[in-house]
Amino acid sequence: MGIIRSSFSFIAGTACGIYVAQNYNVPNIKKLVDSAFFVAKHVEEKYRKPKNKDDD
């Protein structure tokens, strides 16, 4: 009885997630995160201070 009670919320969440993913237009999170990292990297490279030659 303990394993069913402890895993009920996980099973219910998985079932609800599957239903939502099949019936609604859910955005692709991996694609969204990859584009956010690309933009952050671009901004960092654009606004980074130039290296000093004395630092070497």
Protein backbone atom coordinates (compact mmCIF):
# COMPACT_ATOMS: atom_id res chain seq x y z
CA MET A 1 0.00 0.00 0.00
CA GLY A 2 2.90 2.36 0.68
CA ILE A 3 4.34 2.33 -2.83
CA ILE A 4 0.97 3.13 -4.39
CA ARG A 5 0.33 6.00 -1.98
CA SER A 6 3.81 7.47 -2.43
CA SER A 7 3.80 7.27 -6.24
CA PHE A 8 0.20 8.43 -6.78
CA SER A 9 1.11 12.08 -7.36
CA PHE A 10 3.87 11.10 -9.81
CA ILE A 11 1.54 8.84 -11.80
CA ALA A 12 -1.27 11.43 -11.79
CA GLY A 13 1.14 14.17 -12.93
CA THR A 14 2.49 11.98 -15.71
CA ALA A 15 -1.01 11.14 -16.92
CA CYS A 16 -2.06 14.82 -16.87
CA GLY A 17 1.15 15.80 -18.68
CA ILE A 18 0.55 13.24 -21.41
CA TYR A 19 -3.04 14.43 -21.85
CA VAL A 20 -2.01 18.10 -22.08
CA ALA A 21 0.86 17.35 -24.49
CA GLN A 22 -1.43 15.43 -26.83
CA ASN A 23 -4.40 17.80 -26.80
CA TYR A 24 -2.88 21.28 -26.57
CA ASN A 25 -0.20 23.22 -28.42
CA VAL A 26 2.63 23.04 -25.88
CA PRO A 27 5.88 24.82 -26.86
CA ASN A 28 9.09 22.83 -27.19
CA ILE A 29 11.00 23.74 -24.03
CA LYS A 30 14.37 22.42 -25.27
CA LYS A 31 14.19 24.62 -28.36
CA LEU A 32 13.20 27.63 -26.22
CA VAL A 33 16.10 27.09 -23.79
CA ASP A 34 18.60 26.61 -26.62
CA SER A 35 17.56 29.89 -28.23
CA ALA A 36 17.80 31.68 -24.86
CA PHE A 37 21.36 30.37 -24.36
CA PHE A 38 22.28 31.47 -27.89
CA VAL A 39 21.00 35.00 -27.25
CA ALA A 40 22.78 35.17 -23.87
CA LYS A 41 26.05 34.01 -25.44
CA HIS A 42 25.70 36.56 -28.23
CA VAL A 43 25.06 39.39 -25.76
CA GLU A 44 28.00 38.33 -23.61
CA GLU A 45 30.38 38.27 -26.58
CA LYS A 46 29.14 41.63 -27.81
CA TYR A 47 29.49 43.49 -24.50
CA ARG A 48 32.56 41.75 -23.06
CA LYS A 49 35.47 43.98 -22.17
CA PRO A 50 38.46 43.54 -24.47
CA LYS A 51 41.43 41.67 -23.05
CA ASN A 52 44.45 43.69 -22.03
CA LYS A 53 47.79 42.64 -23.50
CA ASP A 54 49.38 43.27 -20.09
CA ASP A 55 47.38 40.42 -18.51
CA ASP A 56 49.37 37.69 -20.31
